[in-house]
């Protein structure tokens, strides 16, 4: 676990939430790695992140929060995630 990943999990007290973040991150890590394997088509990959986030079952900013945190844990660009959510909501 990297320092950045530890810092993400440290913000949560609930062990179930931490486990959910890690589990989702492990599931989407191949998608994030695939996105980063190519030159960005949009600033900070926000367009690619929008594609991933749009598959979230909850279509609200709050519903995207857990997925966005898991994407950060998996190595996504924070500015790209923020822009993606802003453009979706």
PDB file of N, CA and C in Angstrom:
ATOM      1  N   UNK A   1       0.854  -1.175   0.000  1.00  0.00           N
ATOM      2  CA  UNK A   1       0.000   0.000   0.000  1.00  0.00           C
ATOM      3  C   UNK A   1       0.900   1.239   0.000  1.00  0.00           C
ATOM      4  N   UNK A   2       0.569   2.175  -0.867  1.00  0.00           N
ATOM      5  CA  UNK A   2       1.345   3.411  -0.959  1.00  0.00           C
ATOM      6  C   UNK A   2       0.913   4.390   0.133  1.00  0.00           C
ATOM      7  N   UNK A   3       1.699   5.429   0.297  1.00  0.00           N
ATOM      8  CA  UNK A   3       1.347   6.471   1.261  1.00  0.00           C
ATOM      9  C   UNK A   3       0.031   7.138   0.866  1.00  0.00           C
ATOM     10  N   UNK A   4      -0.141   7.404  -0.428  1.00  0.00           N
ATOM     11  CA  UNK A   4      -1.384   8.028  -0.903  1.00  0.00           C
ATOM     12  C   UNK A   4      -2.588   7.139  -0.587  1.00  0.00           C
ATOM     13  N   UNK A   5      -2.443   5.842  -0.784  1.00  0.00           N
ATOM     14  CA  UNK A   5      -3.540   4.929  -0.481  1.00  0.00           C
ATOM     15  C   UNK A   5      -3.829   4.903   1.016  1.00  0.00           C
ATOM     16  N   UNK A   6      -2.791   4.898   1.829  1.00  0.00           N
ATOM     17  CA  UNK A   6      -2.981   4.932   3.284  1.00  0.00           C
ATOM     18  C   UNK A   6      -3.703   6.206   3.706  1.00  0.00           C
ATOM     19  N   UNK A   7      -3.330   7.320   3.093  1.00  0.00           N
ATOM     20  CA  UNK A   7      -3.971   8.596   3.414  1.00  0.00           C
ATOM     21  C   UNK A   7      -5.445   8.591   3.046  1.00  0.00           C
ATOM     22  N   UNK A   8      -5.785   7.961   1.942  1.00  0.00           N
ATOM     23  CA  UNK A   8      -7.191   7.866   1.532  1.00  0.00           C
ATOM     24  C   UNK A   8      -7.977   7.080   2.567  1.00  0.00           C
ATOM     25  N   UNK A   9      -7.475   5.919   2.944  1.00  0.00           N
ATOM     26  CA  UNK A   9      -8.197   5.071   3.888  1.00  0.00           C
ATOM     27  C   UNK A   9      -8.237   5.670   5.291  1.00  0.00           C
ATOM     28  N   UNK A  10      -7.234   6.457   5.648  1.00  0.00           N
ATOM     29  CA  UNK A  10      -7.180   7.053   6.990  1.00  0.00           C
ATOM     30  C   UNK A  10      -8.334   8.019   7.236  1.00  0.00           C
ATOM     31  N   UNK A  11      -8.965   8.480   6.187  1.00  0.00           N
ATOM     32  CA  UNK A  11     -10.069   9.433   6.328  1.00  0.00           C
ATOM     33  C   UNK A  11     -11.367   8.754   6.744  1.00  0.00           C
ATOM     34  N   UNK A  12     -11.363   7.427   6.792  1.00  0.00           N
ATOM     35  CA  UNK A  12     -12.581   6.677   7.111  1.00  0.00           C
ATOM     36  C   UNK A  12     -12.382   5.854   8.373  1.00  0.00           C
ATOM     37  N   UNK A  13     -13.369   5.892   9.264  1.00  0.00           N
ATOM     38  CA  UNK A  13     -13.312   5.131  10.508  1.00  0.00           C
ATOM     39  C   UNK A  13     -13.893   3.727  10.327  1.00  0.00           C
ATOM     40  N   UNK A  14     -14.894   3.623   9.488  1.00  0.00           N
ATOM     41  CA  UNK A  14     -15.631   2.374   9.291  1.00  0.00           C
ATOM     42  C   UNK A  14     -14.819   1.375   8.470  1.00  0.00           C
ATOM     43  N   UNK A  15     -14.542   0.222   9.050  1.00  0.00           N
ATOM     44  CA  UNK A  15     -13.756  -0.809   8.359  1.00  0.00           C
ATOM     45  C   UNK A  15     -14.475  -1.335   7.116  1.00  0.00           C
ATOM     46  N   UNK A  16     -15.784  -1.386   7.154  1.00  0.00           N
ATOM     47  CA  UNK A  16     -16.539  -1.872   5.985  1.00  0.00           C
ATOM     48  C   UNK A  16     -16.376  -0.925   4.801  1.00  0.00           C
ATOM     49  N   UNK A  17     -16.351   0.365   5.068  1.00  0.00           N
ATOM     50  CA  UNK A  17     -16.147   1.351   4.005  1.00  0.00           C
ATOM     51  C   UNK A  17     -14.752   1.189   3.420  1.00  0.00           C
ATOM     52  N   UNK A  18     -13.773   1.020   4.284  1.00  0.00           N
ATOM     53  CA  UNK A  18     -12.394   0.821   3.817  1.00  0.00           C
ATOM     54  C   UNK A  18     -12.293  -0.428   2.943  1.00  0.00           C
ATOM     55  N   UNK A  19     -12.924  -1.507   3.374  1.00  0.00           N
ATOM     56  CA  UNK A  19     -12.908  -2.748   2.589  1.00  0.00           C
ATOM     57  C   UNK A  19     -13.603  -2.551   1.243  1.00  0.00           C
ATOM     58  N   UNK A  20     -14.701  -1.789   1.246  1.00  0.00           N
ATOM     59  CA  UNK A  20     -15.421  -1.535  -0.008  1.00  0.00           C
ATOM     60  C   UNK A  20     -14.553  -0.732  -0.974  1.00  0.00           C
ATOM     61  N   UNK A  21     -13.857   0.265  -0.457  1.00  0.00           N
ATOM     62  CA  UNK A  21     -12.985   1.084  -1.309  1.00  0.00           C
ATOM     63  C   UNK A  21     -11.903   0.222  -1.936  1.00  0.00           C
ATOM     64  N   UNK A  22     -11.254  -0.602  -1.131  1.00  0.00           N
ATOM     65  CA  UNK A  22     -10.180  -1.466  -1.642  1.00  0.00           C
ATOM     66  C   UNK A  22     -10.735  -2.469  -2.648  1.00  0.00           C
ATOM     67  N   UNK A  23     -11.880  -3.045  -2.352  1.00  0.00           N
ATOM     68  CA  UNK A  23     -12.479  -4.037  -3.258  1.00  0.00           C
ATOM     69  C   UNK A  23     -12.852  -3.419  -4.609  1.00  0.00           C
ATOM     70  N   UNK A  24     -13.489  -2.260  -4.564  1.00  0.00           N
ATOM     71  CA  UNK A  24     -13.858  -1.581  -5.814  1.00  0.00           C
ATOM     72  C   UNK A  24     -12.601  -1.186  -6.576  1.00  0.00           C
ATOM     73  N   UNK A  25     -11.607  -0.670  -5.864  1.00  0.00           N
ATOM     74  CA  UNK A  25     -10.351  -0.259  -6.506  1.00  0.00           C
ATOM     75  C   UNK A  25      -9.675  -1.431  -7.205  1.00  0.00           C
ATOM     76  N   UNK A  26      -9.662  -2.586  -6.560  1.00  0.00           N
ATOM     77  CA  UNK A  26      -9.053  -3.760  -7.186  1.00  0.00           C
ATOM     78  C   UNK A  26      -9.809  -4.160  -8.447  1.00  0.00           C
ATOM     79  N   UNK A  27     -11.112  -3.982  -8.434  1.00  0.00           N
ATOM     80  CA  UNK A  27     -11.931  -4.325  -9.601  1.00  0.00           C
ATOM     81  C   UNK A  27     -11.686  -3.367 -10.759  1.00  0.00           C
ATOM     82  N   UNK A  28     -11.564  -2.074 -10.460  1.00  0.00           N
ATOM     83  CA  UNK A  28     -11.431  -1.090 -11.537  1.00  0.00           C
ATOM     84  C   UNK A  28      -9.979  -0.748 -11.872  1.00  0.00           C
ATOM     85  N   UNK A  29      -9.032  -1.252 -11.103  1.00  0.00           N
ATOM     86  CA  UNK A  29      -7.621  -0.951 -11.378  1.00  0.00           C
ATOM     87  C   UNK A  29      -7.233  -1.250 -12.832  1.00  0.00           C
ATOM     88  N   UNK A  30      -7.648  -2.380 -13.417  1.00  0.00           N
ATOM     89  CA  UNK A  30      -7.303  -2.608 -14.835  1.00  0.00           C
ATOM     90  C   UNK A  30      -7.850  -1.521 -15.767  1.00  0.00           C
ATOM     91  N   UNK A  31      -9.028  -0.988 -15.462  1.00  0.00           N
ATOM     92  CA  UNK A  31      -9.579   0.093 -16.285  1.00  0.00           C
ATOM     93  C   UNK A  31      -8.728   1.351 -16.163  1.00  0.00           C
ATOM     94  N   UNK A  32      -8.327   1.681 -14.944  1.00  0.00           N
ATOM     95  CA  UNK A  32      -7.498   2.867 -14.715  1.00  0.00           C
ATOM     96  C   UNK A  32      -6.143   2.692 -15.396  1.00  0.00           C
ATOM     97  N   UNK A  33      -5.557   1.517 -15.267  1.00  0.00           N
ATOM     98  CA  UNK A  33      -4.265   1.263 -15.911  1.00  0.00           C
ATOM     99  C   UNK A  33      -4.375   1.349 -17.427  1.00  0.00           C
ATOM    100  N   UNK A  34      -5.483   0.865 -17.980  1.00  0.00           N
ATOM    101  CA  UNK A  34      -5.699   0.955 -19.427  1.00  0.00           C
ATOM    102  C   UNK A  34      -5.833   2.407 -19.867  1.00  0.00           C
ATOM    103  N   UNK A  35      -6.549   3.199 -19.091  1.00  0.00           N
ATOM    104  CA  UNK A  35      -6.687   4.628 -19.394  1.00  0.00           C
ATOM    105  C   UNK A  35      -5.316   5.287 -19.417  1.00  0.00           C
ATOM    106  N   UNK A  36      -4.495   4.991 -18.413  1.00  0.00           N
ATOM    107  CA  UNK A  36      -3.186   5.638 -18.285  1.00  0.00           C
ATOM    108  C   UNK A  36      -2.147   5.082 -19.263  1.00  0.00           C
ATOM    109  N   UNK A  37      -2.460   3.987 -19.920  1.00  0.00           N
ATOM    110  CA  UNK A  37      -1.538   3.403 -20.900  1.00  0.00           C
ATOM    111  C   UNK A  37      -1.548   4.166 -22.223  1.00  0.00           C
ATOM    112  N   UNK A  38      -2.486   5.084 -22.364  1.00  0.00           N
ATOM    113  CA  UNK A  38      -2.625   5.862 -23.596  1.00  0.00           C
ATOM    114  C   UNK A  38      -2.486   7.346 -23.280  1.00  0.00           C
ATOM    115  N   UNK A  39      -2.085   8.139 -24.276  1.00  0.00           N
ATOM    116  CA  UNK A  39      -2.053   9.589 -24.045  1.00  0.00           C
ATOM    117  C   UNK A  39      -3.456  10.092 -23.713  1.00  0.00           C
ATOM    118  N   UNK A  40      -3.567  11.069 -22.827  1.00  0.00           N
ATOM    119  CA  UNK A  40      -4.898  11.564 -22.473  1.00  0.00           C
ATOM    120  C   UNK A  40      -5.584  12.236 -23.657  1.00  0.00           C
ATOM    121  N   UNK A  41      -6.846  11.892 -23.850  1.00  0.00           N
ATOM    122  CA  UNK A  41      -7.626  12.534 -24.921  1.00  0.00           C
ATOM    123  C   UNK A  41      -8.292  13.802 -24.395  1.00  0.00           C
ATOM    124  N   UNK A  42      -8.358  13.943 -23.072  1.00  0.00           N
ATOM    125  CA  UNK A  42      -8.871  15.135 -22.415  1.00  0.00           C
ATOM    126  C   UNK A  42      -7.934  15.469 -21.260  1.00  0.00           C
ATOM    127  N   UNK A  43      -8.021  16.691 -20.760  1.00  0.00           N
ATOM    128  CA  UNK A  43      -7.140  17.117 -19.680  1.00  0.00           C
ATOM    129  C   UNK A  43      -7.326  16.228 -18.453  1.00  0.00           C
ATOM    130  N   UNK A  44      -6.225  15.700 -17.939  1.00  0.00           N
ATOM    131  CA  UNK A  44      -6.213  14.851 -16.742  1.00  0.00           C
ATOM    132  C   UNK A  44      -7.092  13.604 -16.872  1.00  0.00           C
ATOM    133  N   UNK A  45      -7.323  13.166 -18.098  1.00  0.00           N
ATOM    134  CA  UNK A  45      -8.103  11.960 -18.397  1.00  0.00           C
ATOM    135  C   UNK A  45      -9.580  12.064 -17.992  1.00  0.00           C
ATOM    136  N   UNK A  46     -10.094  13.275 -17.793  1.00  0.00           N
ATOM    137  CA  UNK A  46     -11.450  13.366 -17.269  1.00  0.00           C
ATOM    138  C   UNK A  46     -12.480  12.697 -18.174  1.00  0.00           C
ATOM    139  N   UNK A  47     -12.281  12.720 -19.472  1.00  0.00           N
ATOM    140  CA  UNK A  47     -13.233  12.077 -20.389  1.00  0.00           C
ATOM    141  C   UNK A  47     -13.281  10.572 -20.188  1.00  0.00           C
ATOM    142  N   UNK A  48     -12.120   9.970 -20.005  1.00  0.00           N
ATOM    143  CA  UNK A  48     -12.066   8.524 -19.751  1.00  0.00           C
ATOM    144  C   UNK A  48     -12.677   8.197 -18.392  1.00  0.00           C
ATOM    145  N   UNK A  49     -12.417   9.043 -17.407  1.00  0.00           N
ATOM    146  CA  UNK A  49     -12.997   8.827 -16.079  1.00  0.00           C
ATOM    147  C   UNK A  49     -14.512   8.980 -16.111  1.00  0.00           C
ATOM    148  N   UNK A  50     -15.014   9.910 -16.933  1.00  0.00           N
ATOM    149  CA  UNK A  50     -16.464  10.068 -17.079  1.00  0.00           C
ATOM    150  C   UNK A  50     -17.089   8.777 -17.593  1.00  0.00           C
ATOM    151  N   UNK A  51     -16.397   8.137 -18.525  1.00  0.00           N
ATOM    152  CA  UNK A  51     -16.898   6.873 -19.070  1.00  0.00           C
ATOM    153  C   UNK A  51     -17.011   5.822 -17.962  1.00  0.00           C
ATOM    154  N   UNK A  52     -16.021   5.747 -17.098  1.00  0.00           N
ATOM    155  CA  UNK A  52     -16.031   4.774 -16.004  1.00  0.00           C
ATOM    156  C   UNK A  52     -17.108   5.141 -14.979  1.00  0.00           C
ATOM    157  N   UNK A  53     -17.148   6.404 -14.574  1.00  0.00           N
ATOM    158  CA  UNK A  53     -18.095   6.850 -13.548  1.00  0.00           C
ATOM    159  C   UNK A  53     -19.534   6.715 -14.026  1.00  0.00           C
ATOM    160  N   UNK A  54     -19.774   6.903 -15.307  1.00  0.00           N
ATOM    161  CA  UNK A  54     -21.143   6.849 -15.822  1.00  0.00           C
ATOM    162  C   UNK A  54     -21.774   5.470 -15.676  1.00  0.00           C
ATOM    163  N   UNK A  55     -20.969   4.459 -15.399  1.00  0.00           N
ATOM    164  CA  UNK A  55     -21.510   3.118 -15.184  1.00  0.00           C
ATOM    165  C   UNK A  55     -21.887   2.862 -13.729  1.00  0.00           C
ATOM    166  N   UNK A  56     -21.717   3.876 -12.884  1.00  0.00           N
ATOM    167  CA  UNK A  56     -22.085   3.753 -11.481  1.00  0.00           C
ATOM    168  C   UNK A  56     -23.594   3.591 -11.358  1.00  0.00           C
ATOM    169  N   UNK A  57     -24.058   2.711 -10.473  1.00  0.00           N
ATOM    170  CA  UNK A  57     -25.503   2.527 -10.335  1.00  0.00           C
ATOM    171  C   UNK A  57     -26.233   3.744  -9.775  1.00  0.00           C
ATOM    172  N   UNK A  58     -25.537   4.605  -9.026  1.00  0.00           N
ATOM    173  CA  UNK A  58     -26.169   5.802  -8.463  1.00  0.00           C
ATOM    174  C   UNK A  58     -25.740   7.008  -9.277  1.00  0.00           C
ATOM    175  N   UNK A  59     -26.675   7.676  -9.874  1.00  0.00           N
ATOM    176  CA  UNK A  59     -26.378   8.777 -10.788  1.00  0.00           C
ATOM    177  C   UNK A  59     -26.472  10.142 -10.109  1.00  0.00           C
ATOM    178  N   UNK A  60     -25.914  10.272  -8.917  1.00  0.00           N
ATOM    179  CA  UNK A  60     -25.851  11.556  -8.221  1.00  0.00           C
ATOM    180  C   UNK A  60     -24.414  11.785  -7.770  1.00  0.00           C
ATOM    181  N   UNK A  61     -24.077  13.014  -7.428  1.00  0.00           N
ATOM    182  CA  UNK A  61     -22.721  13.319  -6.956  1.00  0.00           C
ATOM    183  C   UNK A  61     -22.390  12.480  -5.732  1.00  0.00           C
ATOM    184  N   UNK A  62     -23.338  12.343  -4.809  1.00  0.00           N
ATOM    185  CA  UNK A  62     -23.112  11.522  -3.627  1.00  0.00           C
ATOM    186  C   UNK A  62     -22.929  10.054  -3.979  1.00  0.00           C
ATOM    187  N   UNK A  63     -23.666   9.589  -4.968  1.00  0.00           N
ATOM    188  CA  UNK A  63     -23.554   8.203  -5.396  1.00  0.00           C
ATOM    189  C   UNK A  63     -22.226   7.904  -6.063  1.00  0.00           C
ATOM    190  N   UNK A  64     -21.626   8.919  -6.646  1.00  0.00           N
ATOM    191  CA  UNK A  64     -20.337   8.739  -7.302  1.00  0.00           C
ATOM    192  C   UNK A  64     -19.172   8.775  -6.321  1.00  0.00           C
ATOM    193  N   UNK A  65     -19.422   9.226  -5.096  1.00  0.00           N
ATOM    194  CA  UNK A  65     -18.338   9.470  -4.144  1.00  0.00           C
ATOM    195  C   UNK A  65     -17.510   8.217  -3.873  1.00  0.00           C
ATOM    196  N   UNK A  66     -18.148   7.110  -3.555  1.00  0.00           N
ATOM    197  CA  UNK A  66     -17.407   5.883  -3.252  1.00  0.00           C
ATOM    198  C   UNK A  66     -16.603   5.422  -4.460  1.00  0.00           C
ATOM    199  N   UNK A  67     -17.194   5.475  -5.639  1.00  0.00           N
ATOM    200  CA  UNK A  67     -16.483   5.086  -6.849  1.00  0.00           C
ATOM    201  C   UNK A  67     -15.306   6.022  -7.105  1.00  0.00           C
ATOM    202  N   UNK A  68     -15.504   7.309  -6.927  1.00  0.00           N
ATOM    203  CA  UNK A  68     -14.424   8.276  -7.136  1.00  0.00           C
ATOM    204  C   UNK A  68     -13.278   8.034  -6.158  1.00  0.00           C
ATOM    205  N   UNK A  69     -13.594   7.747  -4.907  1.00  0.00           N
ATOM    206  CA  UNK A  69     -12.556   7.464  -3.911  1.00  0.00           C
ATOM    207  C   UNK A  69     -11.810   6.192  -4.286  1.00  0.00           C
ATOM    208  N   UNK A  70     -12.536   5.184  -4.735  1.00  0.00           N
ATOM    209  CA  UNK A  70     -11.892   3.940  -5.161  1.00  0.00           C
ATOM    210  C   UNK A  70     -11.004   4.177  -6.377  1.00  0.00           C
ATOM    211  N   UNK A  71     -11.432   5.049  -7.281  1.00  0.00           N
ATOM    212  CA  UNK A  71     -10.611   5.377  -8.447  1.00  0.00           C
ATOM    213  C   UNK A  71      -9.320   6.062  -8.013  1.00  0.00           C
ATOM    214  N   UNK A  72      -9.410   6.960  -7.040  1.00  0.00           N
ATOM    215  CA  UNK A  72      -8.204   7.590  -6.497  1.00  0.00           C
ATOM    216  C   UNK A  72      -7.274   6.535  -5.899  1.00  0.00           C
ATOM    217  N   UNK A  73      -7.845   5.619  -5.149  1.00  0.00           N
ATOM    218  CA  UNK A  73      -7.070   4.537  -4.532  1.00  0.00           C
ATOM    219  C   UNK A  73      -6.383   3.698  -5.608  1.00  0.00           C
ATOM    220  N   UNK A  74      -7.058   3.535  -6.746  1.00  0.00           N
ATOM    221  CA  UNK A  74      -6.516   2.735  -7.847  1.00  0.00           C
ATOM    222  C   UNK A  74      -5.503   3.505  -8.694  1.00  0.00           C
ATOM    223  N   UNK A  75      -5.316   4.803  -8.400  1.00  0.00           N
ATOM    224  CA  UNK A  75      -4.283   5.563  -9.090  1.00  0.00           C
ATOM    225  C   UNK A  75      -4.760   6.610 -10.081  1.00  0.00           C
ATOM    226  N   UNK A  76      -6.040   6.914 -10.068  1.00  0.00           N
ATOM    227  CA  UNK A  76      -6.574   7.916 -10.984  1.00  0.00           C
ATOM    228  C   UNK A  76      -6.115   9.319 -10.587  1.00  0.00           C
ATOM    229  N   UNK A  77      -6.141  10.226 -11.555  1.00  0.00           N
ATOM    230  CA  UNK A  77      -5.738  11.610 -11.353  1.00  0.00           C
ATOM    231  C   UNK A  77      -6.848  12.361 -10.605  1.00  0.00           C
ATOM    232  N   UNK A  78      -6.552  12.958  -9.455  1.00  0.00           N
ATOM    233  CA  UNK A  78      -7.593  13.643  -8.672  1.00  0.00           C
ATOM    234  C   UNK A  78      -8.298  14.768  -9.435  1.00  0.00           C
ATOM    235  N   UNK A  79      -7.541  15.570 -10.182  1.00  0.00           N
ATOM    236  CA  UNK A  79      -8.161  16.660 -10.935  1.00  0.00           C
ATOM    237  C   UNK A  79      -9.063  16.114 -12.037  1.00  0.00           C
ATOM    238  N   UNK A  80      -8.659  15.008 -12.648  1.00  0.00           N
ATOM    239  CA  UNK A  80      -9.481  14.387 -13.673  1.00  0.00           C
ATOM    240  C   UNK A  80     -10.783  13.844 -13.121  1.00  0.00           C
ATOM    241  N   UNK A  81     -10.722  13.241 -11.941  1.00  0.00           N
ATOM    242  CA  UNK A  81     -11.950  12.731 -11.315  1.00  0.00           C
ATOM    243  C   UNK A  81     -12.885  13.874 -10.960  1.00  0.00           C
ATOM    244  N   UNK A  82     -12.324  14.933 -10.379  1.00  0.00           N
ATOM    245  CA  UNK A  82     -13.136  16.084 -10.010  1.00  0.00           C
ATOM    246  C   UNK A  82     -13.827  16.684 -11.243  1.00  0.00           C
ATOM    247  N   UNK A  83     -13.097  16.827 -12.326  1.00  0.00           N
ATOM    248  CA  UNK A  83     -13.679  17.371 -13.556  1.00  0.00           C
ATOM    249  C   UNK A  83     -14.743  16.443 -14.121  1.00  0.00           C
ATOM    250  N   UNK A  84     -14.501  15.147 -14.066  1.00  0.00           N
ATOM    251  CA  UNK A  84     -15.471  14.178 -14.598  1.00  0.00           C
ATOM    252  C   UNK A  84     -16.790  14.260 -13.840  1.00  0.00           C
ATOM    253  N   UNK A  85     -16.718  14.285 -12.524  1.00  0.00           N
ATOM    254  CA  UNK A  85     -17.935  14.351 -11.721  1.00  0.00           C
ATOM    255  C   UNK A  85     -18.661  15.681 -11.956  1.00  0.00           C
ATOM    256  N   UNK A  86     -17.901  16.748 -12.041  1.00  0.00           N
ATOM    257  CA  UNK A  86     -18.501  18.063 -12.289  1.00  0.00           C
ATOM    258  C   UNK A  86     -19.236  18.080 -13.621  1.00  0.00           C
ATOM    259  N   UNK A  87     -18.696  17.426 -14.633  1.00  0.00           N
ATOM    260  CA  UNK A  87     -19.334  17.401 -15.953  1.00  0.00           C
ATOM    261  C   UNK A  87     -20.524  16.453 -16.022  1.00  0.00           C
ATOM    262  N   UNK A  88     -20.541  15.451 -15.167  1.00  0.00           N
ATOM    263  CA  UNK A  88     -21.650  14.494 -15.180  1.00  0.00           C
ATOM    264  C   UNK A  88     -22.842  15.051 -14.419  1.00  0.00           C
ATOM    265  N   UNK A  89     -22.591  15.696 -13.295  1.00  0.00           N
ATOM    266  CA  UNK A  89     -23.692  16.170 -12.422  1.00  0.00           C
ATOM    267  C   UNK A  89     -24.171  17.542 -12.798  1.00  0.00           C
TER     268      UNK A  89
END
